[in-house]
N, C-alpha and C. Protein backbone atom coordinates (compact mmCIF):
# COMPACT_ATOMS: atom_id res chain seq x y z
N MET A 1 -38.90 -64.52 33.83
CA MET A 1 -38.93 -65.66 32.87
C MET A 1 -39.09 -65.19 31.64
N PRO A 2 -38.32 -65.60 30.59
CA PRO A 2 -38.33 -65.11 29.20
C PRO A 2 -39.62 -65.77 28.57
N THR A 3 -40.14 -65.01 27.55
CA THR A 3 -41.29 -65.41 26.95
C THR A 3 -41.02 -65.95 25.45
N HIS A 4 -41.86 -66.64 24.88
CA HIS A 4 -41.55 -67.19 23.59
C HIS A 4 -42.29 -66.26 22.48
N GLY A 5 -41.79 -65.23 22.00
CA GLY A 5 -42.41 -64.13 21.30
C GLY A 5 -43.02 -63.05 21.99
N SER A 6 -43.41 -62.00 21.44
CA SER A 6 -43.73 -60.69 22.22
C SER A 6 -45.31 -60.81 22.65
N LEU A 7 -45.56 -60.21 23.77
CA LEU A 7 -46.95 -60.48 24.15
C LEU A 7 -47.92 -59.67 23.49
N THR A 8 -47.43 -58.61 22.82
CA THR A 8 -48.36 -57.75 21.79
C THR A 8 -48.81 -58.61 20.73
N LYS A 9 -48.31 -59.77 20.33
CA LYS A 9 -48.80 -60.53 19.17
C LYS A 9 -49.80 -61.71 19.80
N ALA A 10 -49.99 -61.68 21.01
CA ALA A 10 -50.65 -62.87 21.60
C ALA A 10 -52.20 -62.70 21.05
N GLY A 11 -52.73 -63.94 20.74
CA GLY A 11 -54.20 -63.97 20.15
C GLY A 11 -54.29 -63.41 18.72
N LYS A 12 -53.31 -63.20 18.03
CA LYS A 12 -53.41 -62.63 16.79
C LYS A 12 -54.18 -63.51 15.79
N VAL A 13 -53.84 -64.66 15.69
CA VAL A 13 -54.58 -65.54 14.62
C VAL A 13 -56.20 -65.60 15.04
N ARG A 14 -56.43 -65.99 16.36
CA ARG A 14 -57.64 -66.18 16.78
C ARG A 14 -58.58 -64.91 16.57
N GLY A 15 -57.98 -63.76 16.66
CA GLY A 15 -58.66 -62.48 16.50
C GLY A 15 -59.03 -62.30 15.05
N GLN A 16 -57.95 -62.84 14.19
CA GLN A 16 -58.31 -62.71 12.64
C GLN A 16 -59.19 -63.52 12.18
N THR A 17 -59.51 -64.75 12.82
CA THR A 17 -60.42 -65.76 12.35
C THR A 17 -61.82 -65.37 12.22
N PRO A 18 -62.65 -65.42 11.22
CA PRO A 18 -64.13 -65.02 11.04
C PRO A 18 -64.77 -66.08 12.16
N LYS A 19 -65.78 -65.22 12.79
CA LYS A 19 -66.64 -65.85 13.64
C LYS A 19 -67.81 -66.71 12.92
N LEU A 20 -67.92 -67.95 13.21
CA LEU A 20 -68.99 -68.89 12.56
C LEU A 20 -70.16 -69.09 13.53
N GLN A 21 -71.33 -69.22 12.95
CA GLN A 21 -72.43 -69.43 13.67
C GLN A 21 -72.41 -70.85 14.25
N ALA A 22 -72.75 -71.25 15.46
CA ALA A 22 -72.76 -72.57 16.13
C ALA A 22 -73.93 -73.20 15.32
N LYS A 23 -73.62 -74.64 14.96
CA LYS A 23 -74.43 -75.50 14.38
C LYS A 23 -75.35 -76.04 15.59
N SER A 24 -76.66 -76.16 15.31
CA SER A 24 -77.49 -76.90 16.36
C SER A 24 -77.28 -78.32 16.36
N LYS A 25 -77.10 -78.76 17.70
CA LYS A 25 -76.89 -80.21 17.93
C LYS A 25 -78.20 -80.88 18.27
N THR A 26 -78.50 -82.02 17.70
CA THR A 26 -79.51 -82.74 18.12
C THR A 26 -79.14 -84.22 18.54
N SER A 27 -79.50 -84.67 19.75
CA SER A 27 -79.14 -85.90 20.07
C SER A 27 -80.35 -86.97 19.71
N ALA A 28 -79.86 -88.24 19.80
CA ALA A 28 -80.77 -89.36 19.34
C ALA A 28 -81.92 -89.41 20.54
N ILE A 29 -83.03 -89.95 20.21
CA ILE A 29 -84.06 -90.11 21.31
C ILE A 29 -83.56 -91.19 22.11
N PRO A 30 -83.93 -91.12 23.52
CA PRO A 30 -83.36 -92.10 24.31
C PRO A 30 -83.40 -93.60 24.13
N ARG A 31 -84.73 -93.92 23.42
CA ARG A 31 -84.78 -95.35 23.19
C ARG A 31 -83.73 -95.74 22.20
N MET A 32 -83.52 -94.82 21.06
CA MET A 32 -82.59 -95.27 20.05
C MET A 32 -81.22 -95.34 20.38
N ARG A 33 -80.91 -94.43 21.48
CA ARG A 33 -79.57 -94.31 21.88
C ARG A 33 -79.32 -95.55 22.75
N ASN A 34 -80.22 -96.01 23.59
CA ASN A 34 -80.04 -97.19 24.38
C ASN A 34 -79.92 -98.38 23.51
N ARG A 35 -80.58 -98.35 22.34
CA ARG A 35 -80.66 -99.48 21.55
C ARG A 35 -79.23 -99.49 20.80
N ASN A 36 -78.57 -98.70 20.51
CA ASN A 36 -77.41 -98.54 19.96
C ASN A 36 -76.22 -98.98 20.74
N THR A 37 -76.49 -98.30 22.05
CA THR A 37 -75.46 -98.93 23.18
C THR A 37 -75.56 -100.33 23.38
N PHE A 38 -76.70 -100.98 23.43
CA PHE A 38 -76.89 -102.39 23.51
C PHE A 38 -76.05 -103.28 22.45
N VAL A 39 -76.46 -102.68 21.17
CA VAL A 39 -75.89 -103.45 19.89
C VAL A 39 -74.30 -103.31 20.07
N LYS A 40 -73.70 -102.16 20.45
CA LYS A 40 -72.26 -102.08 20.55
C LYS A 40 -71.80 -102.93 21.61
N ARG A 41 -72.30 -102.98 22.73
CA ARG A 41 -71.96 -103.82 23.82
C ARG A 41 -72.05 -105.24 23.82
N PHE A 42 -73.24 -105.65 23.33
CA PHE A 42 -73.49 -107.13 23.38
C PHE A 42 -73.31 -107.81 22.08
N ASN A 43 -73.88 -107.19 21.07
CA ASN A 43 -73.86 -108.02 19.67
C ASN A 43 -72.37 -107.68 19.04
N LEU A 44 -71.77 -106.56 19.22
CA LEU A 44 -70.46 -106.33 18.71
C LEU A 44 -69.40 -106.85 19.60
N LYS A 45 -69.77 -106.85 20.96
CA LYS A 45 -68.73 -107.13 21.90
C LYS A 45 -67.73 -106.26 22.08
N ARG A 46 -68.00 -104.84 22.09
CA ARG A 46 -67.19 -103.75 22.35
C ARG A 46 -66.97 -103.48 23.93
N LYS A 47 -65.72 -103.16 24.17
CA LYS A 47 -65.52 -102.83 25.44
C LYS A 47 -65.65 -101.28 25.66
N PRO A 48 -65.87 -100.90 26.99
CA PRO A 48 -66.10 -99.32 27.04
C PRO A 48 -64.72 -98.69 26.90
N GLY A 49 -65.00 -97.44 26.25
CA GLY A 49 -63.81 -96.67 26.02
C GLY A 49 -63.96 -95.89 24.62
N GLN A 50 -63.37 -94.57 24.82
CA GLN A 50 -63.59 -93.82 23.58
C GLN A 50 -62.54 -94.32 22.61
N ASN A 51 -63.02 -94.45 21.16
CA ASN A 51 -62.11 -94.80 20.04
C ASN A 51 -61.72 -96.24 20.21
N TRP A 52 -62.46 -97.23 20.85
CA TRP A 52 -62.22 -98.59 21.03
C TRP A 52 -62.55 -99.25 19.59
N LEU A 53 -61.70 -99.54 18.81
CA LEU A 53 -62.13 -100.08 17.42
C LEU A 53 -61.82 -101.49 17.18
N LYS A 54 -60.97 -102.12 17.82
CA LYS A 54 -60.62 -103.64 17.65
C LYS A 54 -61.78 -104.41 17.86
N SER A 55 -62.06 -105.47 17.16
CA SER A 55 -63.12 -106.34 17.36
C SER A 55 -62.65 -107.59 17.86
């Protein structure tokens, strides 16, 4: 099966990209997370689903 480009160049750009330190991730405390979920579902009447923006 033919390839698109030579295999010797595979991963060239990723190898040249400088490595960045990962940022520390903090999540909201459970009480606030549950409160925000309540507001979204019941006060704003949002349906479940990622990127659901229409009101």
